[in-house]
Amino acid sequence: MSILSNPDILQKRLIDQIQYRLNVVKGVVESRNPNDTFNCYIAGETVIYPNIPTFSRNPKLGPGDKVVIEFINGCRETPAILAPEDIRERPDTTLPGIKLFESQLVYENEFMNAYGTRWVAYFFQAESNHTVESIYLLLNQEWGPGIITAAIYPNEGAGNFKPVIGGGALTSGTTDGDTLPSELEAPEWREIEVTPYNLISGTWYSIVLTATLGWKVNWFGKDNVVTAPNQWRHFSSDNGLNWYAGVFDLTFKIFGR
């Protein structure tokens, strides 16, 4: 069996070979193929490399997108596009770019859900001046919530820690909630790319999760545990007009530059 036809072998080969940094180059997508492979220009060359597979489980690439490519075993005949999470969770100074900043990883089989007019929010404090470019949330869904949105809003900060909705979101992104695992399956870390926004060190922000339909997207965490001072979630039943607090930790990862 070809390693390029087996994602588990392909992923293992990525981890084994990432240390050989001369085999990792930049590329640009020229076009996408029906089988979710991509035709790319590699390392500034004018020749198009056809049918390059990707490690990403949910590739959102199109013509002109910049990608990072590894030559498997150092062979230029077997290139593969690295998934964003592979680069972001294994920072490499030879490939400057997105990395993990703030996160909350407390998790048991407990969740809060968003649907229709019900919004869920969780706050965090920026650890430094950096951008936010992707938000990872641990999610599954019930009955198909449609398009879900993760947005960054200002936060009132110490003493309340609720979102400030009136001025609108600072940045946001969407993903298809219907493609999440069902409520009978384990949740997945879903990446939601947002328009890059500069966070200010020491400032409080809220991640707000919403769904377009009346069905539920479940955001996982752990009930009745406080892992940081005054750490709690908020929910709103009227599209963010009024917010109610409760002691519940929700999981997230913030990636930026």
Protein backbone atom coordinates (compact mmCIF):
# COMPACT_ATOMS: atom_id res chain seq x y z
CA MET A 1 0.00 0.00 0.00
CA SER A 2 1.29 3.47 -0.87
CA ILE A 3 1.94 5.70 2.14
CA LEU A 4 0.00 8.44 0.35
CA SER A 5 -3.18 6.31 0.38
CA ASN A 6 -3.11 5.68 4.13
CA PRO A 7 -3.57 8.80 6.33
CA ASP A 8 -2.36 7.05 9.50
CA ILE A 9 0.93 6.04 7.89
CA LEU A 10 1.17 9.46 6.29
CA GLN A 11 0.71 11.21 9.63
CA LYS A 12 3.33 9.00 11.32
CA ARG A 13 5.76 9.70 8.51
CA LEU A 14 5.17 13.43 9.02
CA ILE A 15 6.11 13.20 12.71
CA ASP A 16 9.16 11.06 11.94
CA GLN A 17 10.42 13.36 9.22
CA ILE A 18 9.61 16.85 10.55
CA GLN A 19 13.09 17.04 12.07
CA TYR A 20 14.58 17.09 8.59
CA ARG A 21 13.77 20.73 8.02
CA LEU A 22 15.44 20.95 4.65
CA ASN A 23 12.58 18.79 3.40
CA VAL A 24 9.98 21.42 4.41
CA VAL A 25 9.32 24.19 1.88
CA LYS A 26 6.72 26.83 1.09
CA GLY A 27 4.26 26.54 -1.76
CA VAL A 28 1.21 28.16 -3.37
CA VAL A 29 -1.99 26.37 -4.40
CA GLU A 30 -2.70 26.59 -8.14
CA SER A 31 -5.94 24.57 -8.15
CA ARG A 32 -7.91 21.97 -6.20
CA ASN A 33 -8.85 18.53 -7.53
CA PRO A 34 -12.13 16.64 -6.90
CA ASN A 35 -10.31 14.07 -4.74
CA ASP A 36 -9.10 16.81 -2.32
CA THR A 37 -5.57 16.83 -3.66
CA PHE A 38 -3.98 20.06 -4.85
CA ASN A 39 -1.86 21.27 -7.73
CA CYS A 40 0.82 23.60 -6.37
CA TYR A 41 3.80 25.73 -7.21
CA ILE A 42 6.62 24.75 -4.84
CA ALA A 43 9.43 26.96 -3.53
CA GLY A 44 8.95 29.64 -6.18
CA GLU A 45 9.24 27.25 -9.13
CA THR A 46 7.13 27.85 -12.25
CA VAL A 47 6.38 24.14 -12.74
CA ILE A 48 3.11 22.91 -11.23
CA TYR A 49 3.37 19.83 -9.00
CA PRO A 50 0.07 17.88 -9.50
CA ASN A 51 -2.13 15.91 -7.09
CA ILE A 52 -0.41 16.77 -3.80
CA PRO A 53 -2.27 15.23 -0.81
CA THR A 54 -2.77 17.04 2.50
CA PHE A 55 -2.66 15.94 6.13
CA SER A 56 -5.58 18.24 6.96
CA ARG A 57 -8.84 16.45 7.81
CA ASN A 58 -10.91 19.37 6.51
CA PRO A 59 -8.81 21.25 3.94
CA LYS A 60 -10.04 24.76 3.18
CA LEU A 61 -7.57 25.65 0.46
CA GLY A 62 -8.04 27.37 -2.86
CA PRO A 63 -6.02 28.99 -5.65
CA GLY A 64 -3.46 31.45 -4.30
CA ASP A 65 -3.40 30.09 -0.74
CA LYS A 66 0.06 29.71 0.76
CA VAL A 67 0.90 26.29 2.18
CA VAL A 68 3.79 24.45 3.81
CA ILE A 69 4.90 21.27 2.06
CA GLU A 70 7.06 18.38 3.21
CA PHE A 71 8.95 16.07 0.87
CA ILE A 72 8.31 12.62 2.40
CA ASN A 73 11.65 10.87 3.04
CA GLY A 74 13.32 13.79 1.34
CA CYS A 75 11.94 12.71 -2.06
CA ARG A 76 10.67 15.51 -4.29
CA GLU A 77 8.37 13.00 -5.98
CA THR A 78 6.28 12.55 -2.80
CA PRO A 79 5.29 16.01 -1.52
CA ALA A 80 2.46 16.45 1.00
CA ILE A 81 0.81 19.60 2.37
CA LEU A 82 1.11 19.89 6.14
CA ALA A 83 -2.07 20.44 8.14
CA PRO A 84 -2.17 23.79 9.96
CA GLU A 85 -2.32 22.09 13.36
CA ASP A 86 0.87 20.12 12.61
CA ILE A 87 2.84 23.33 12.20
CA ARG A 88 1.08 25.20 14.98
CA GLU A 89 1.51 22.52 17.64
CA ARG A 90 5.13 21.85 16.69
CA PRO A 91 6.61 25.37 16.41
CA ASP A 92 9.65 25.49 14.13
CA THR A 93 11.87 28.56 14.07
CA THR A 94 12.77 27.81 10.46
CA LEU A 95 9.09 28.22 9.60
CA PRO A 96 8.00 31.42 11.36
CA GLY A 97 4.25 31.69 11.65
CA ILE A 98 1.22 30.78 13.69
CA LYS A 99 1.67 29.33 17.19
CA LEU A 100 -0.35 28.52 20.28
CA PHE A 101 -0.94 31.33 22.78
CA GLU A 102 -3.78 31.17 25.35
CA SER A 103 -5.57 27.87 26.04
CA GLN A 104 -7.86 26.09 28.48
CA LEU A 105 -7.67 22.30 28.32
CA VAL A 106 -9.85 21.17 31.23
CA TYR A 107 -12.22 18.55 29.84
CA GLU A 108 -14.60 15.86 31.00
CA ASN A 109 -17.68 14.56 29.24
CA GLU A 110 -19.65 17.73 30.06
CA PHE A 111 -20.64 20.60 27.84
CA MET A 112 -22.62 23.79 27.31
CA ASN A 113 -24.68 24.14 24.14
CA ALA A 114 -25.48 26.97 21.75
CA TYR A 115 -28.45 27.06 19.38
CA GLY A 116 -30.66 29.72 17.82
CA THR A 117 -30.95 32.65 20.24
CA ARG A 118 -28.86 30.88 22.89
CA TRP A 119 -25.23 32.03 22.87
CA VAL A 120 -22.37 30.70 25.01
CA ALA A 121 -19.28 32.70 26.00
CA TYR A 122 -16.01 32.08 27.78
CA PHE A 123 -13.37 34.68 28.66
CA PHE A 124 -9.59 34.80 28.56
CA GLN A 125 -6.82 37.32 29.14
CA ALA A 126 -4.25 37.98 26.40
CA GLU A 127 -0.84 36.84 27.66
CA SER A 128 1.03 39.17 25.27
CA ASN A 129 0.55 41.41 22.26
CA HIS A 130 -0.26 39.02 19.41
CA THR A 131 -2.79 38.31 16.69
CA VAL A 132 -5.61 35.84 16.90
CA GLU A 133 -5.99 33.95 13.61
CA SER A 134 -7.54 30.61 14.58
CA ILE A 135 -9.70 29.44 17.46
CA TYR A 136 -9.89 25.74 18.32
CA LEU A 137 -12.95 24.56 20.27
CA LEU A 138 -13.79 21.03 21.44
CA LEU A 139 -17.21 20.40 19.85
CA ASN A 140 -19.84 17.95 18.70
CA GLN A 141 -23.42 18.51 17.55
CA GLU A 142 -27.04 17.39 17.85
CA TRP A 143 -29.30 17.15 14.79
CA GLY A 144 -27.28 19.57 12.65
CA PRO A 145 -26.87 23.16 13.93
CA GLY A 146 -25.94 24.56 10.49
CA ILE A 147 -23.21 27.17 10.23
CA ILE A 148 -21.65 27.94 13.60
CA THR A 149 -19.69 31.08 14.44
CA ALA A 150 -16.89 31.68 16.92
CA ALA A 151 -16.29 35.37 17.58
CA ILE A 152 -13.98 37.42 19.79
CA TYR A 153 -15.71 40.22 21.73
CA PRO A 154 -14.46 42.72 24.30
CA ASN A 155 -14.99 41.67 27.92
CA GLU A 156 -15.97 43.72 30.97
CA GLY A 157 -13.08 42.18 32.90
CA ALA A 158 -12.61 41.68 36.63
CA GLY A 159 -15.79 41.71 38.67
CA ASN A 160 -18.08 40.46 35.91
CA PHE A 161 -16.19 38.93 32.99
CA LYS A 162 -19.14 39.05 30.61
CA PRO A 163 -18.95 39.88 26.89
CA VAL A 164 -19.54 43.41 25.65
CA ILE A 165 -21.75 42.84 22.61
CA GLY A 166 -23.00 46.32 21.72
CA GLY A 167 -20.07 47.37 19.55
CA GLY A 168 -20.00 44.11 17.59
CA ALA A 169 -17.41 41.36 17.32
CA LEU A 170 -13.74 42.25 17.07
CA THR A 171 -13.26 39.30 14.72
CA SER A 172 -15.10 36.08 13.84
CA GLY A 173 -15.06 32.97 11.71
CA THR A 174 -17.42 30.15 10.77
CA THR A 175 -17.46 26.41 10.19
CA ASP A 176 -20.09 23.90 9.11
CA GLY A 177 -21.51 22.55 12.35
CA ASP A 178 -23.25 19.71 10.50
CA THR A 179 -19.82 18.14 9.81
CA LEU A 180 -19.00 17.85 13.53
CA PRO A 181 -19.29 14.45 15.27
CA SER A 182 -22.78 13.64 16.56
CA GLU A 183 -23.70 13.78 20.23
CA LEU A 184 -23.17 9.99 20.33
CA GLU A 185 -19.53 10.41 19.32
CA ALA A 186 -16.48 11.92 20.99
CA PRO A 187 -16.05 15.66 20.35
CA GLU A 188 -13.31 16.94 18.06
CA TRP A 189 -11.01 19.93 18.17
CA ARG A 190 -12.51 22.08 15.41
CA GLU A 191 -10.41 24.88 13.97
CA ILE A 192 -12.32 28.08 13.18
CA GLU A 193 -10.21 30.54 11.23
CA VAL A 194 -10.93 34.20 11.97
CA THR A 195 -9.89 37.46 10.38
CA PRO A 196 -6.54 38.32 12.01
CA TYR A 197 -6.99 40.73 14.91
CA ASN A 198 -4.39 42.22 17.27
CA LEU A 199 -4.94 41.32 20.93
CA ILE A 200 -3.44 43.57 23.63
CA SER A 201 -1.43 42.08 26.46
CA GLY A 202 -3.36 41.92 29.75
CA THR A 203 -6.72 42.74 28.13
CA TRP A 204 -9.76 40.52 28.73
CA TYR A 205 -11.71 39.08 25.80
CA SER A 206 -14.60 36.65 25.30
CA ILE A 207 -14.98 33.78 22.85
CA VAL A 208 -18.67 33.66 21.87
CA LEU A 209 -20.15 30.58 20.17
CA THR A 210 -23.42 30.77 18.19
CA ALA A 211 -25.33 28.51 15.78
CA THR A 212 -27.66 29.58 12.97
CA LEU A 213 -30.34 26.92 13.52
CA GLY A 214 -32.38 25.72 16.47
CA TRP A 215 -30.29 22.56 16.87
CA LYS A 216 -27.36 22.34 19.23
CA VAL A 217 -23.61 22.66 19.01
CA ASN A 218 -22.02 21.32 22.21
CA TRP A 219 -18.90 23.04 23.59
CA PHE A 220 -17.06 20.73 25.99
CA GLY A 221 -15.40 21.47 29.31
CA LYS A 222 -15.89 20.60 32.97
CA ASP A 223 -18.56 21.61 35.46
CA ASN A 224 -17.91 22.90 38.98
CA VAL A 225 -14.18 23.37 38.77
CA VAL A 226 -12.38 26.67 38.81
CA THR A 227 -8.93 26.38 37.24
CA ALA A 228 -8.26 30.12 37.24
CA PRO A 229 -9.50 32.86 39.59
CA ASN A 230 -13.17 33.68 38.92
CA GLN A 231 -13.18 31.49 35.81
CA TRP A 232 -16.72 30.88 34.58
CA ARG A 233 -18.80 30.74 31.45
CA HIS A 234 -21.71 32.97 30.49
CA PHE A 235 -24.78 32.18 28.42
CA SER A 236 -27.47 34.32 26.84
CA SER A 237 -30.94 33.21 25.73
CA ASP A 238 -31.68 36.42 23.77
CA ASN A 239 -28.89 36.81 21.19
CA GLY A 240 -26.44 38.36 23.62
CA LEU A 241 -28.72 41.03 25.12
CA ASN A 242 -28.55 39.61 28.66
CA TRP A 243 -25.87 37.32 30.07
CA TYR A 244 -25.93 34.85 32.98
CA ALA A 245 -22.83 33.49 34.70
CA GLY A 246 -22.13 30.00 35.98
CA VAL A 247 -19.08 28.12 37.24
CA PHE A 248 -18.07 26.02 34.24
CA ASP A 249 -14.71 25.75 32.47
CA LEU A 250 -14.75 25.50 28.68
CA THR A 251 -11.93 24.31 26.46
CA PHE A 252 -10.24 26.48 23.83
CA LYS A 253 -6.96 27.19 22.06
CA ILE A 254 -5.97 30.55 20.58
CA PHE A 255 -3.48 30.56 17.70
CA GLY A 256 -1.85 33.66 16.22
CA ARG A 257 1.46 35.41 15.59
